């Protein structure tokens, strides 16, 4: 028997980020900066939606449901018990990924290369733009390392420990007990994402551009 765990909002956000990070990497490598910029903006909107969903969304998606303290982490390391959803170590990975993704997308909005590309808020950042551009590059290396660790962990749990993490993130159900509370509707998460997106578009529309001397 399978039990509900991840609502549609969490699953759509998860798989969108998988695709969007791939496109962000490719577009950055190929110099497709317009695409890179807009994909980065979408990642920021989606990640902020997931963060808010961690406070107001379905019970299994809330940080209070799966984020644990040091004692619970040590207990998990000793016992290796099975969790519905994220185990205490997985919770740390989620928090780290959300933090790095937010930093990556946000810093990109203030970056520039002094030649061809200037992000929407680069002029607002002033002298900080160069520093934020460096942070953007360093954070990307950290994010790549964490993504690799995340994939290795999924492989370990999926095939070594026989825990169907991938299937659960596709179907939204697990083979062991999860929350019995009714999931929050998808339209609520969509409303949050649209509100964030429109706010970001408004900020971009009013952001000043660097003056041209030509």
C-alpha atoms as a PDB file:
ATOM      1  CA  UNK A   1       0.000   0.000   0.000  1.00  0.00           C
ATOM      2  CA  UNK A   2       1.274   3.483  -0.829  1.00  0.00           C
ATOM      3  CA  UNK A   3       0.637   6.643   1.146  1.00  0.00           C
ATOM      4  CA  UNK A   4       0.491  10.314   0.026  1.00  0.00           C
ATOM      5  CA  UNK A   5       3.590  12.361   0.746  1.00  0.00           C
ATOM      6  CA  UNK A   6       4.563  14.990  -1.853  1.00  0.00           C
ATOM      7  CA  UNK A   7       1.817  17.207  -3.225  1.00  0.00           C
ATOM      8  CA  UNK A   8       1.706  18.304  -6.844  1.00  0.00           C
ATOM      9  CA  UNK A   9       3.266  21.683  -6.033  1.00  0.00           C
ATOM     10  CA  UNK A  10       6.407  20.163  -4.511  1.00  0.00           C
ATOM     11  CA  UNK A  11       6.806  17.709  -7.377  1.00  0.00           C
ATOM     12  CA  UNK A  12       6.382  20.341 -10.097  1.00  0.00           C
ATOM     13  CA  UNK A  13       8.837  22.669  -8.344  1.00  0.00           C
ATOM     14  CA  UNK A  14      11.366  19.843  -7.946  1.00  0.00           C
ATOM     15  CA  UNK A  15      11.322  18.713 -11.561  1.00  0.00           C
ATOM     16  CA  UNK A  16      11.200  22.257 -12.914  1.00  0.00           C
ATOM     17  CA  UNK A  17      14.358  23.086 -10.983  1.00  0.00           C
ATOM     18  CA  UNK A  18      16.070  19.987 -12.374  1.00  0.00           C
ATOM     19  CA  UNK A  19      15.341  21.166 -15.925  1.00  0.00           C
ATOM     20  CA  UNK A  20      15.939  24.873 -15.265  1.00  0.00           C
ATOM     21  CA  UNK A  21      19.343  24.384 -13.635  1.00  0.00           C
ATOM     22  CA  UNK A  22      20.391  22.352 -16.659  1.00  0.00           C
ATOM     23  CA  UNK A  23      19.251  25.112 -19.028  1.00  0.00           C
ATOM     24  CA  UNK A  24      20.928  27.740 -16.831  1.00  0.00           C
ATOM     25  CA  UNK A  25      24.222  25.853 -17.029  1.00  0.00           C
ATOM     26  CA  UNK A  26      23.976  25.346 -20.805  1.00  0.00           C
ATOM     27  CA  UNK A  27      22.979  28.930 -21.570  1.00  0.00           C
ATOM     28  CA  UNK A  28      25.797  30.292 -19.402  1.00  0.00           C
ATOM     29  CA  UNK A  29      28.354  28.102 -21.138  1.00  0.00           C
ATOM     30  CA  UNK A  30      27.061  29.047 -24.593  1.00  0.00           C
ATOM     31  CA  UNK A  31      26.854  32.770 -23.867  1.00  0.00           C
ATOM     32  CA  UNK A  32      23.083  32.821 -24.356  1.00  0.00           C
ATOM     33  CA  UNK A  33      22.754  35.496 -21.700  1.00  0.00           C
ATOM     34  CA  UNK A  34      19.193  36.599 -22.417  1.00  0.00           C
ATOM     35  CA  UNK A  35      17.956  33.039 -21.956  1.00  0.00           C
ATOM     36  CA  UNK A  36      20.290  32.632 -18.988  1.00  0.00           C
ATOM     37  CA  UNK A  37      18.859  35.736 -17.335  1.00  0.00           C
ATOM     38  CA  UNK A  38      15.212  34.785 -17.729  1.00  0.00           C
ATOM     39  CA  UNK A  39      15.745  31.194 -16.630  1.00  0.00           C
ATOM     40  CA  UNK A  40      17.581  32.543 -13.587  1.00  0.00           C
ATOM     41  CA  UNK A  41      14.619  34.807 -12.819  1.00  0.00           C
ATOM     42  CA  UNK A  42      12.246  31.852 -13.078  1.00  0.00           C
ATOM     43  CA  UNK A  43      14.457  29.831 -10.728  1.00  0.00           C
ATOM     44  CA  UNK A  44      14.351  32.644  -8.179  1.00  0.00           C
ATOM     45  CA  UNK A  45      10.536  32.778  -8.386  1.00  0.00           C
ATOM     46  CA  UNK A  46      10.192  29.007  -8.052  1.00  0.00           C
ATOM     47  CA  UNK A  47      12.668  28.721  -5.170  1.00  0.00           C
ATOM     48  CA  UNK A  48      10.995  31.557  -3.254  1.00  0.00           C
ATOM     49  CA  UNK A  49       7.665  29.816  -3.841  1.00  0.00           C
ATOM     50  CA  UNK A  50       9.110  26.595  -2.380  1.00  0.00           C
ATOM     51  CA  UNK A  51      10.422  28.509   0.631  1.00  0.00           C
ATOM     52  CA  UNK A  52       7.005  30.028   1.291  1.00  0.00           C
ATOM     53  CA  UNK A  53       5.439  26.605   0.689  1.00  0.00           C
ATOM     54  CA  UNK A  54       7.722  25.376   3.457  1.00  0.00           C
ATOM     55  CA  UNK A  55       5.797  27.629   5.830  1.00  0.00           C
ATOM     56  CA  UNK A  56       2.269  27.651   4.449  1.00  0.00           C
ATOM     57  CA  UNK A  57       2.025  24.586   2.208  1.00  0.00           C
ATOM     58  CA  UNK A  58       1.031  20.979   2.738  1.00  0.00           C
ATOM     59  CA  UNK A  59       2.220  19.394   5.968  1.00  0.00           C
ATOM     60  CA  UNK A  60       4.983  17.138   4.528  1.00  0.00           C
ATOM     61  CA  UNK A  61       6.374  20.146   2.605  1.00  0.00           C
ATOM     62  CA  UNK A  62       6.709  22.323   5.698  1.00  0.00           C
ATOM     63  CA  UNK A  63      10.146  22.806   7.193  1.00  0.00           C
ATOM     64  CA  UNK A  64       8.739  22.172  10.671  1.00  0.00           C
ATOM     65  CA  UNK A  65       7.688  18.702   9.469  1.00  0.00           C
ATOM     66  CA  UNK A  66      11.081  17.454   8.278  1.00  0.00           C
ATOM     67  CA  UNK A  67      13.869  19.740   9.511  1.00  0.00           C
ATOM     68  CA  UNK A  68      15.404  18.230  12.652  1.00  0.00           C
ATOM     69  CA  UNK A  69      18.029  19.201  15.178  1.00  0.00           C
ATOM     70  CA  UNK A  70      21.467  17.670  15.916  1.00  0.00           C
ATOM     71  CA  UNK A  71      20.052  15.020  18.256  1.00  0.00           C
ATOM     72  CA  UNK A  72      17.665  13.688  15.610  1.00  0.00           C
ATOM     73  CA  UNK A  73      20.474  13.677  13.031  1.00  0.00           C
ATOM     74  CA  UNK A  74      22.736  11.652  15.321  1.00  0.00           C
ATOM     75  CA  UNK A  75      19.884   9.277  16.094  1.00  0.00           C
ATOM     76  CA  UNK A  76      19.276   8.776  12.384  1.00  0.00           C
ATOM     77  CA  UNK A  77      22.957   8.086  11.730  1.00  0.00           C
ATOM     78  CA  UNK A  78      22.891   5.397  14.410  1.00  0.00           C
ATOM     79  CA  UNK A  79      19.590   3.768  13.546  1.00  0.00           C
ATOM     80  CA  UNK A  80      19.169   4.454   9.819  1.00  0.00           C
ATOM     81  CA  UNK A  81      15.405   4.365  10.272  1.00  0.00           C
ATOM     82  CA  UNK A  82      13.160   4.974   7.287  1.00  0.00           C
ATOM     83  CA  UNK A  83      11.379   8.308   7.004  1.00  0.00           C
ATOM     84  CA  UNK A  84       8.378   9.296   4.937  1.00  0.00           C
ATOM     85  CA  UNK A  85       9.828  12.199   3.019  1.00  0.00           C
ATOM     86  CA  UNK A  86      13.170  13.717   3.895  1.00  0.00           C
ATOM     87  CA  UNK A  87      15.277  12.120   6.600  1.00  0.00           C
ATOM     88  CA  UNK A  88      17.258  14.505   8.884  1.00  0.00           C
ATOM     89  CA  UNK A  89      20.284  14.473   6.557  1.00  0.00           C
ATOM     90  CA  UNK A  90      18.101  14.977   3.515  1.00  0.00           C
ATOM     91  CA  UNK A  91      16.530  17.977   5.237  1.00  0.00           C
ATOM     92  CA  UNK A  92      19.946  19.601   5.532  1.00  0.00           C
ATOM     93  CA  UNK A  93      20.502  18.983   1.824  1.00  0.00           C
ATOM     94  CA  UNK A  94      17.173  20.637   0.987  1.00  0.00           C
ATOM     95  CA  UNK A  95      18.024  23.716   3.048  1.00  0.00           C
ATOM     96  CA  UNK A  96      21.483  23.962   1.480  1.00  0.00           C
ATOM     97  CA  UNK A  97      20.129  23.590  -2.071  1.00  0.00           C
ATOM     98  CA  UNK A  98      17.439  26.220  -1.512  1.00  0.00           C
ATOM     99  CA  UNK A  99      20.025  28.590  -0.047  1.00  0.00           C
ATOM    100  CA  UNK A 100      22.507  28.150  -2.898  1.00  0.00           C
ATOM    101  CA  UNK A 101      19.818  28.347  -5.580  1.00  0.00           C
ATOM    102  CA  UNK A 102      18.457  31.560  -4.068  1.00  0.00           C
ATOM    103  CA  UNK A 103      21.964  33.021  -3.849  1.00  0.00           C
ATOM    104  CA  UNK A 104      22.755  31.981  -7.423  1.00  0.00           C
ATOM    105  CA  UNK A 105      19.621  33.472  -8.931  1.00  0.00           C
ATOM    106  CA  UNK A 106      19.659  36.625  -6.811  1.00  0.00           C
ATOM    107  CA  UNK A 107      23.344  37.402  -7.328  1.00  0.00           C
ATOM    108  CA  UNK A 108      22.899  36.933 -11.063  1.00  0.00           C
ATOM    109  CA  UNK A 109      20.439  39.825 -11.102  1.00  0.00           C
ATOM    110  CA  UNK A 110      23.239  42.180  -9.983  1.00  0.00           C
ATOM    111  CA  UNK A 111      26.109  40.825 -12.072  1.00  0.00           C
ATOM    112  CA  UNK A 112      27.871  42.112 -15.187  1.00  0.00           C
ATOM    113  CA  UNK A 113      30.929  41.333 -17.304  1.00  0.00           C
ATOM    114  CA  UNK A 114      31.872  44.962 -18.100  1.00  0.00           C
ATOM    115  CA  UNK A 115      31.714  44.169 -21.827  1.00  0.00           C
ATOM    116  CA  UNK A 116      28.519  42.647 -23.220  1.00  0.00           C
ATOM    117  CA  UNK A 117      26.247  41.719 -20.343  1.00  0.00           C
ATOM    118  CA  UNK A 118      24.663  43.731 -17.577  1.00  0.00           C
ATOM    119  CA  UNK A 119      21.972  42.195 -15.357  1.00  0.00           C
ATOM    120  CA  UNK A 120      18.795  44.171 -14.570  1.00  0.00           C
ATOM    121  CA  UNK A 121      19.944  45.355 -11.127  1.00  0.00           C
ATOM    122  CA  UNK A 122      23.657  45.819 -11.878  1.00  0.00           C
ATOM    123  CA  UNK A 123      23.395  49.606 -11.873  1.00  0.00           C
ATOM    124  CA  UNK A 124      21.544  49.513  -8.549  1.00  0.00           C
ATOM    125  CA  UNK A 125      24.384  47.454  -7.086  1.00  0.00           C
ATOM    126  CA  UNK A 126      26.958  50.073  -8.028  1.00  0.00           C
ATOM    127  CA  UNK A 127      30.462  49.135  -6.889  1.00  0.00           C
ATOM    128  CA  UNK A 128      29.055  45.944  -5.370  1.00  0.00           C
ATOM    129  CA  UNK A 129      28.210  44.567  -8.806  1.00  0.00           C
ATOM    130  CA  UNK A 130      31.743  43.220  -9.334  1.00  0.00           C
ATOM    131  CA  UNK A 131      31.709  41.506  -5.943  1.00  0.00           C
ATOM    132  CA  UNK A 132      28.296  39.979  -6.589  1.00  0.00           C
ATOM    133  CA  UNK A 133      29.518  38.764  -9.982  1.00  0.00           C
ATOM    134  CA  UNK A 134      32.366  36.951  -8.227  1.00  0.00           C
ATOM    135  CA  UNK A 135      29.965  35.499  -5.678  1.00  0.00           C
ATOM    136  CA  UNK A 136      27.787  34.312  -8.573  1.00  0.00           C
ATOM    137  CA  UNK A 137      30.736  32.352 -10.020  1.00  0.00           C
ATOM    138  CA  UNK A 138      31.886  30.933  -6.665  1.00  0.00           C
ATOM    139  CA  UNK A 139      28.349  30.005  -5.640  1.00  0.00           C
ATOM    140  CA  UNK A 140      27.899  28.135  -8.933  1.00  0.00           C
ATOM    141  CA  UNK A 141      30.873  25.925  -8.101  1.00  0.00           C
ATOM    142  CA  UNK A 142      29.420  25.236  -4.642  1.00  0.00           C
ATOM    143  CA  UNK A 143      26.038  24.493  -6.177  1.00  0.00           C
ATOM    144  CA  UNK A 144      27.547  22.033  -8.657  1.00  0.00           C
ATOM    145  CA  UNK A 145      29.296  20.189  -5.816  1.00  0.00           C
ATOM    146  CA  UNK A 146      26.103  19.992  -3.778  1.00  0.00           C
ATOM    147  CA  UNK A 147      24.111  18.759  -6.779  1.00  0.00           C
ATOM    148  CA  UNK A 148      26.643  15.953  -7.287  1.00  0.00           C
ATOM    149  CA  UNK A 149      26.391  14.981  -3.610  1.00  0.00           C
ATOM    150  CA  UNK A 150      22.606  15.091  -3.840  1.00  0.00           C
ATOM    151  CA  UNK A 151      22.591  12.789  -6.878  1.00  0.00           C
ATOM    152  CA  UNK A 152      24.972  10.343  -5.193  1.00  0.00           C
ATOM    153  CA  UNK A 153      22.735  10.275  -2.116  1.00  0.00           C
ATOM    154  CA  UNK A 154      19.659   9.593  -4.252  1.00  0.00           C
ATOM    155  CA  UNK A 155      21.477   6.743  -6.010  1.00  0.00           C
ATOM    156  CA  UNK A 156      22.536   5.288  -2.658  1.00  0.00           C
ATOM    157  CA  UNK A 157      19.057   5.376  -1.144  1.00  0.00           C
ATOM    158  CA  UNK A 158      17.301   4.312  -4.333  1.00  0.00           C
ATOM    159  CA  UNK A 159      19.369   1.271  -5.225  1.00  0.00           C
ATOM    160  CA  UNK A 160      21.392   0.372  -2.143  1.00  0.00           C
ATOM    161  CA  UNK A 161      18.783   0.954   0.557  1.00  0.00           C
ATOM    162  CA  UNK A 162      15.803   0.192  -1.727  1.00  0.00           C
ATOM    163  CA  UNK A 163      13.948   3.384  -0.840  1.00  0.00           C
ATOM    164  CA  UNK A 164      11.954   4.588  -3.886  1.00  0.00           C
ATOM    165  CA  UNK A 165      12.814   8.276  -3.659  1.00  0.00           C
ATOM    166  CA  UNK A 166      12.520   8.916  -7.392  1.00  0.00           C
ATOM    167  CA  UNK A 167       9.162   7.152  -7.650  1.00  0.00           C
ATOM    168  CA  UNK A 168       7.847   9.101  -4.662  1.00  0.00           C
ATOM    169  CA  UNK A 169       8.847  12.396  -6.271  1.00  0.00           C
ATOM    170  CA  UNK A 170       7.077  11.352  -9.495  1.00  0.00           C
ATOM    171  CA  UNK A 171       3.910   9.804  -8.047  1.00  0.00           C
ATOM    172  CA  UNK A 172       3.724  11.782  -4.819  1.00  0.00           C
ATOM    173  CA  UNK A 173       3.261   8.574  -2.835  1.00  0.00           C
ATOM    174  CA  UNK A 174       5.541   6.376  -0.747  1.00  0.00           C
ATOM    175  CA  UNK A 175       5.334   2.777   0.386  1.00  0.00           C
ATOM    176  CA  UNK A 176       5.251   3.769   4.038  1.00  0.00           C
ATOM    177  CA  UNK A 177       3.178   5.992   6.275  1.00  0.00           C
ATOM    178  CA  UNK A 178       3.211   9.714   5.619  1.00  0.00           C
ATOM    179  CA  UNK A 179       0.946  12.606   6.509  1.00  0.00           C
ATOM    180  CA  UNK A 180      -2.799  12.021   6.419  1.00  0.00           C
ATOM    181  CA  UNK A 181      -3.655  15.718   6.190  1.00  0.00           C
ATOM    182  CA  UNK A 182      -5.230  16.943   2.985  1.00  0.00           C
ATOM    183  CA  UNK A 183      -2.651  18.576   0.653  1.00  0.00           C
ATOM    184  CA  UNK A 184      -2.934  22.262  -0.145  1.00  0.00           C
ATOM    185  CA  UNK A 185      -4.224  22.964  -3.682  1.00  0.00           C
ATOM    186  CA  UNK A 186      -1.893  23.514  -6.606  1.00  0.00           C
ATOM    187  CA  UNK A 187      -3.562  26.825  -7.465  1.00  0.00           C
ATOM    188  CA  UNK A 188      -2.345  28.311  -4.170  1.00  0.00           C
ATOM    189  CA  UNK A 189       1.299  27.592  -5.007  1.00  0.00           C
ATOM    190  CA  UNK A 190       0.694  28.898  -8.541  1.00  0.00           C
ATOM    191  CA  UNK A 191      -0.760  32.118  -7.107  1.00  0.00           C
ATOM    192  CA  UNK A 192       2.314  32.567  -4.905  1.00  0.00           C
ATOM    193  CA  UNK A 193       4.636  31.983  -7.877  1.00  0.00           C
ATOM    194  CA  UNK A 194       2.731  34.404 -10.137  1.00  0.00           C
ATOM    195  CA  UNK A 195       2.729  37.083  -7.425  1.00  0.00           C
ATOM    196  CA  UNK A 196       6.481  36.738  -6.946  1.00  0.00           C
ATOM    197  CA  UNK A 197       7.038  36.727 -10.705  1.00  0.00           C
ATOM    198  CA  UNK A 198       4.976  39.861 -11.293  1.00  0.00           C
ATOM    199  CA  UNK A 199       6.766  41.627  -8.440  1.00  0.00           C
ATOM    200  CA  UNK A 200      10.134  40.713  -9.946  1.00  0.00           C
ATOM    201  CA  UNK A 201       9.048  41.894 -13.398  1.00  0.00           C
ATOM    202  CA  UNK A 202       7.909  45.204 -11.890  1.00  0.00           C
ATOM    203  CA  UNK A 203      11.260  45.672 -10.140  1.00  0.00           C
ATOM    204  CA  UNK A 204      13.092  44.913 -13.386  1.00  0.00           C
ATOM    205  CA  UNK A 205      10.908  47.428 -15.239  1.00  0.00           C
ATOM    206  CA  UNK A 206      11.787  50.265 -12.839  1.00  0.00           C
ATOM    207  CA  UNK A 207      15.467  49.376 -12.376  1.00  0.00           C
ATOM    208  CA  UNK A 208      17.724  52.083 -13.849  1.00  0.00           C
ATOM    209  CA  UNK A 209      20.184  51.258 -16.620  1.00  0.00           C
ATOM    210  CA  UNK A 210      23.756  52.424 -16.698  1.00  0.00           C
ATOM    211  CA  UNK A 211      24.057  55.704 -18.645  1.00  0.00           C
ATOM    212  CA  UNK A 212      25.403  55.434 -22.169  1.00  0.00           C
ATOM    213  CA  UNK A 213      28.316  57.646 -23.176  1.00  0.00           C
ATOM    214  CA  UNK A 214      28.163  56.848 -26.875  1.00  0.00           C
END
